[in-house]
N, C-alpha and C. Protein backbone atom coordinates (compact mmCIF):
# COMPACT_ATOMS: atom_id res chain seq x y z
N MET A 1 0.83 -1.19 0.00
CA MET A 1 0.01 -0.03 0.00
C MET A 1 0.89 1.27 -0.03
N GLU A 2 1.91 1.24 0.76
CA GLU A 2 2.82 2.41 0.85
C GLU A 2 3.50 2.67 -0.46
N ASN A 3 3.80 1.59 -1.18
CA ASN A 3 4.45 1.74 -2.49
C ASN A 3 3.51 2.43 -3.46
N LYS A 4 2.27 2.15 -3.43
CA LYS A 4 1.21 2.73 -4.27
C LYS A 4 1.20 4.27 -4.04
N GLU A 5 1.22 4.65 -2.64
CA GLU A 5 1.20 6.13 -2.35
C GLU A 5 2.37 6.85 -2.90
N VAL A 6 3.50 6.16 -2.92
CA VAL A 6 4.74 6.74 -3.42
C VAL A 6 4.54 7.09 -4.90
N ASN A 7 3.98 6.07 -5.62
CA ASN A 7 3.75 6.18 -7.11
C ASN A 7 2.69 7.27 -7.39
N VAL A 8 1.68 7.40 -6.60
CA VAL A 8 0.66 8.45 -6.80
C VAL A 8 1.40 9.81 -6.61
N GLY A 9 2.26 9.90 -5.53
CA GLY A 9 2.96 11.11 -5.40
C GLY A 9 3.85 11.55 -6.62
N LYS A 10 4.49 10.58 -7.14
CA LYS A 10 5.33 10.81 -8.22
C LYS A 10 4.44 11.21 -9.53
N PHE A 11 3.47 10.47 -9.70
CA PHE A 11 2.46 10.75 -10.80
C PHE A 11 1.98 12.22 -10.69
N VAL A 12 1.53 12.60 -9.54
CA VAL A 12 0.88 13.93 -9.33
C VAL A 12 2.03 15.03 -9.54
N GLY A 13 3.20 14.69 -9.06
CA GLY A 13 4.31 15.62 -9.25
C GLY A 13 4.69 15.87 -10.67
N ARG A 14 4.62 14.84 -11.49
CA ARG A 14 4.95 15.00 -12.93
C ARG A 14 3.80 15.77 -13.63
N HIS A 15 2.58 15.55 -13.16
CA HIS A 15 1.51 16.19 -13.79
C HIS A 15 1.09 17.62 -13.25
N LEU A 16 1.80 18.07 -12.24
CA LEU A 16 1.53 19.37 -11.74
C LEU A 16 1.91 20.54 -12.77
N SER A 17 2.81 20.27 -13.69
CA SER A 17 3.08 21.18 -14.75
C SER A 17 1.90 21.74 -15.47
N GLN A 18 0.87 20.88 -15.70
CA GLN A 18 -0.37 21.30 -16.39
C GLN A 18 -1.07 22.41 -15.54
N LEU A 19 -1.07 22.17 -14.23
CA LEU A 19 -1.80 23.05 -13.31
C LEU A 19 -1.04 24.33 -13.15
N LYS A 20 0.36 24.20 -13.17
CA LYS A 20 1.19 25.45 -13.12
C LYS A 20 0.97 26.33 -14.32
N VAL A 21 0.85 25.74 -15.50
CA VAL A 21 0.62 26.48 -16.68
C VAL A 21 -0.80 27.19 -16.71
N LEU A 22 -1.72 26.46 -16.11
CA LEU A 22 -3.04 27.08 -15.90
C LEU A 22 -3.07 28.15 -14.95
N ALA A 23 -2.38 27.99 -13.80
CA ALA A 23 -2.23 29.14 -12.87
C ALA A 23 -1.59 30.40 -13.50
N ARG A 24 -0.56 30.18 -14.24
CA ARG A 24 0.15 31.30 -14.95
C ARG A 24 -0.80 31.99 -15.93
N MET A 25 -1.59 31.27 -16.65
CA MET A 25 -2.40 31.77 -17.62
C MET A 25 -3.53 32.63 -16.90
N LEU A 26 -4.11 32.18 -15.73
CA LEU A 26 -5.06 32.89 -15.15
C LEU A 26 -4.48 34.20 -14.50
N GLU A 27 -3.24 34.01 -13.95
CA GLU A 27 -2.48 35.23 -13.52
C GLU A 27 -2.38 36.28 -14.58
N HIS A 28 -2.07 35.85 -15.74
CA HIS A 28 -1.93 36.75 -16.88
C HIS A 28 -3.19 37.47 -17.15
N GLU A 29 -4.33 36.76 -17.14
CA GLU A 29 -5.64 37.39 -17.36
C GLU A 29 -6.06 38.34 -16.34
N LEU A 30 -5.66 38.08 -14.99
CA LEU A 30 -5.89 39.04 -13.92
C LEU A 30 -5.11 40.26 -14.16
N GLU A 31 -3.76 40.10 -14.53
CA GLU A 31 -2.95 41.18 -14.70
C GLU A 31 -3.48 42.11 -15.87
N GLY A 32 -4.07 41.48 -16.85
CA GLY A 32 -4.68 42.19 -17.92
C GLY A 32 -5.88 42.93 -17.72
N SER A 33 -6.53 42.68 -16.54
CA SER A 33 -7.75 43.40 -16.15
C SER A 33 -7.45 44.74 -15.53
N LYS A 34 -6.16 45.05 -15.30
CA LYS A 34 -5.80 46.37 -14.97
C LYS A 34 -6.34 46.79 -13.50
N GLY A 35 -6.52 45.83 -12.64
CA GLY A 35 -7.04 46.13 -11.31
C GLY A 35 -8.53 46.40 -11.20
N ALA A 36 -9.22 46.08 -12.24
CA ALA A 36 -10.72 46.18 -12.19
C ALA A 36 -11.31 45.19 -11.29
N ALA A 37 -12.47 45.50 -10.75
CA ALA A 37 -13.20 44.57 -9.85
C ALA A 37 -13.64 43.29 -10.62
N GLU A 38 -14.01 43.53 -11.86
CA GLU A 38 -14.50 42.38 -12.67
C GLU A 38 -13.42 41.99 -13.67
N VAL A 39 -13.33 40.73 -14.00
CA VAL A 39 -12.37 40.24 -15.00
C VAL A 39 -13.16 39.65 -16.09
N SER A 40 -12.85 40.02 -17.35
CA SER A 40 -13.49 39.40 -18.53
C SER A 40 -12.49 38.47 -19.12
N ILE A 41 -12.93 37.12 -19.21
CA ILE A 41 -12.15 36.09 -19.81
C ILE A 41 -12.82 35.56 -21.03
N ASP A 42 -12.06 35.33 -22.12
CA ASP A 42 -12.62 34.83 -23.33
C ASP A 42 -13.09 33.31 -23.01
N ARG A 43 -14.16 33.04 -23.70
CA ARG A 43 -14.73 31.65 -23.56
C ARG A 43 -13.64 30.52 -23.90
N GLU A 44 -12.77 30.78 -24.78
CA GLU A 44 -11.77 29.85 -25.21
C GLU A 44 -10.79 29.63 -24.04
N VAL A 45 -10.55 30.75 -23.34
CA VAL A 45 -9.58 30.57 -22.10
C VAL A 45 -10.32 29.74 -21.08
N VAL A 46 -11.55 29.97 -20.75
CA VAL A 46 -12.24 29.22 -19.79
C VAL A 46 -12.38 27.69 -20.22
N GLU A 47 -12.57 27.45 -21.53
CA GLU A 47 -12.72 26.12 -21.99
C GLU A 47 -11.31 25.37 -21.83
N SER A 48 -10.25 26.15 -22.18
CA SER A 48 -8.82 25.54 -21.98
C SER A 48 -8.62 25.30 -20.53
N ALA A 49 -9.00 26.10 -19.59
CA ALA A 49 -8.80 25.84 -18.19
C ALA A 49 -9.65 24.62 -17.76
N LEU A 50 -10.84 24.51 -18.19
CA LEU A 50 -11.61 23.35 -17.85
C LEU A 50 -11.06 22.03 -18.43
N ASP A 51 -10.62 22.15 -19.67
CA ASP A 51 -9.99 20.94 -20.25
C ASP A 51 -8.74 20.51 -19.48
N THR A 52 -7.88 21.49 -19.02
CA THR A 52 -6.69 21.19 -18.29
C THR A 52 -7.05 20.56 -16.97
N LEU A 53 -8.01 21.03 -16.26
CA LEU A 53 -8.48 20.48 -15.00
C LEU A 53 -9.10 19.05 -15.12
N GLU A 54 -9.89 18.92 -16.23
CA GLU A 54 -10.54 17.58 -16.47
C GLU A 54 -9.49 16.54 -16.83
N ILE A 55 -8.48 16.94 -17.61
CA ILE A 55 -7.47 15.94 -17.88
C ILE A 55 -6.74 15.57 -16.71
N PHE A 56 -6.39 16.50 -15.81
CA PHE A 56 -5.63 16.17 -14.62
C PHE A 56 -6.49 15.25 -13.67
N VAL A 57 -7.66 15.60 -13.46
CA VAL A 57 -8.62 14.77 -12.59
C VAL A 57 -8.80 13.44 -13.20
N ASP A 58 -9.04 13.31 -14.48
CA ASP A 58 -9.27 12.04 -15.11
C ASP A 58 -8.02 11.08 -14.98
N ASP A 59 -6.89 11.73 -15.28
CA ASP A 59 -5.63 10.90 -15.09
C ASP A 59 -5.42 10.47 -13.62
N CYS A 60 -5.73 11.40 -12.69
CA CYS A 60 -5.68 10.89 -11.31
C CYS A 60 -6.72 9.78 -10.95
N ASP A 61 -7.87 9.98 -11.47
CA ASP A 61 -8.96 8.96 -11.24
C ASP A 61 -8.44 7.64 -11.83
N THR A 62 -7.88 7.55 -13.03
CA THR A 62 -7.40 6.41 -13.65
C THR A 62 -6.33 5.75 -12.85
N LEU A 63 -5.44 6.52 -12.38
CA LEU A 63 -4.32 5.98 -11.54
C LEU A 63 -4.77 5.35 -10.21
N THR A 64 -5.83 6.00 -9.61
CA THR A 64 -6.32 5.59 -8.28
C THR A 64 -7.37 4.56 -8.42
N GLY A 65 -7.74 4.11 -9.63
CA GLY A 65 -8.76 3.07 -9.78
C GLY A 65 -10.23 3.64 -9.83
N GLY A 66 -10.29 4.74 -10.37
CA GLY A 66 -11.71 5.33 -10.58
C GLY A 66 -12.04 6.33 -9.57
N GLY A 67 -13.16 6.89 -9.71
CA GLY A 67 -13.55 7.96 -8.82
C GLY A 67 -15.08 8.05 -8.76
N ARG A 68 -15.50 9.24 -8.52
CA ARG A 68 -17.00 9.64 -8.44
C ARG A 68 -17.72 9.18 -9.77
N ARG A 69 -17.16 9.53 -10.98
CA ARG A 69 -17.91 9.20 -12.14
C ARG A 69 -17.99 7.70 -12.38
N ALA A 70 -16.92 7.01 -12.06
CA ALA A 70 -16.90 5.51 -12.31
C ALA A 70 -17.93 4.84 -11.35
N LYS A 71 -18.11 5.35 -10.16
CA LYS A 71 -19.04 4.73 -9.24
C LYS A 71 -20.52 5.07 -9.57
N SER A 72 -20.77 6.28 -10.10
CA SER A 72 -22.17 6.73 -10.36
C SER A 72 -22.65 6.15 -11.58
N GLY A 73 -21.87 5.52 -12.49
CA GLY A 73 -22.31 4.92 -13.65
C GLY A 73 -22.39 5.94 -14.90
N GLU A 74 -21.98 7.22 -14.64
CA GLU A 74 -21.98 8.21 -15.73
C GLU A 74 -20.84 7.89 -16.71
N PRO A 75 -21.11 8.06 -17.93
CA PRO A 75 -19.99 7.79 -18.93
C PRO A 75 -18.91 8.86 -18.61
N LYS A 76 -17.69 8.39 -18.87
CA LYS A 76 -16.50 9.26 -18.67
C LYS A 76 -16.41 10.33 -19.79
N PRO A 77 -16.31 11.60 -19.61
CA PRO A 77 -16.27 12.54 -20.66
C PRO A 77 -14.90 12.41 -21.43
N VAL A 78 -14.96 12.75 -22.66
CA VAL A 78 -13.75 12.63 -23.46
C VAL A 78 -13.25 14.02 -23.67
N VAL A 79 -11.96 14.24 -23.40
CA VAL A 79 -11.25 15.52 -23.51
C VAL A 79 -10.21 15.41 -24.58
N ALA A 80 -10.21 16.18 -25.55
CA ALA A 80 -9.22 16.18 -26.67
C ALA A 80 -8.06 16.97 -26.10
N ARG A 81 -6.91 16.38 -26.25
CA ARG A 81 -5.60 17.10 -25.88
C ARG A 81 -5.08 17.68 -27.10
N LEU A 82 -4.90 18.99 -26.98
CA LEU A 82 -4.39 19.81 -28.07
C LEU A 82 -2.97 20.16 -27.78
N ASN A 83 -2.02 19.73 -28.48
CA ASN A 83 -0.61 19.97 -28.33
C ASN A 83 -0.08 20.76 -29.49
């Protein structure tokens, strides 16, 4: 069991780069708002952020043997990776 936890830690560590890019992208959008109380983000940016999060969550679910979607019987959404 402990060995599996180490593998999960390595897996998450390798995939954190996706979330770091997402965080930097959102920081860039905030800086572009020039201190305004409201931030306007293009739909494409929001879709890219959601895709990045869904890929990360799905990869983690696959590694850990499933998750909420697998138990509820809902079909797993398909996310296209654009490189």
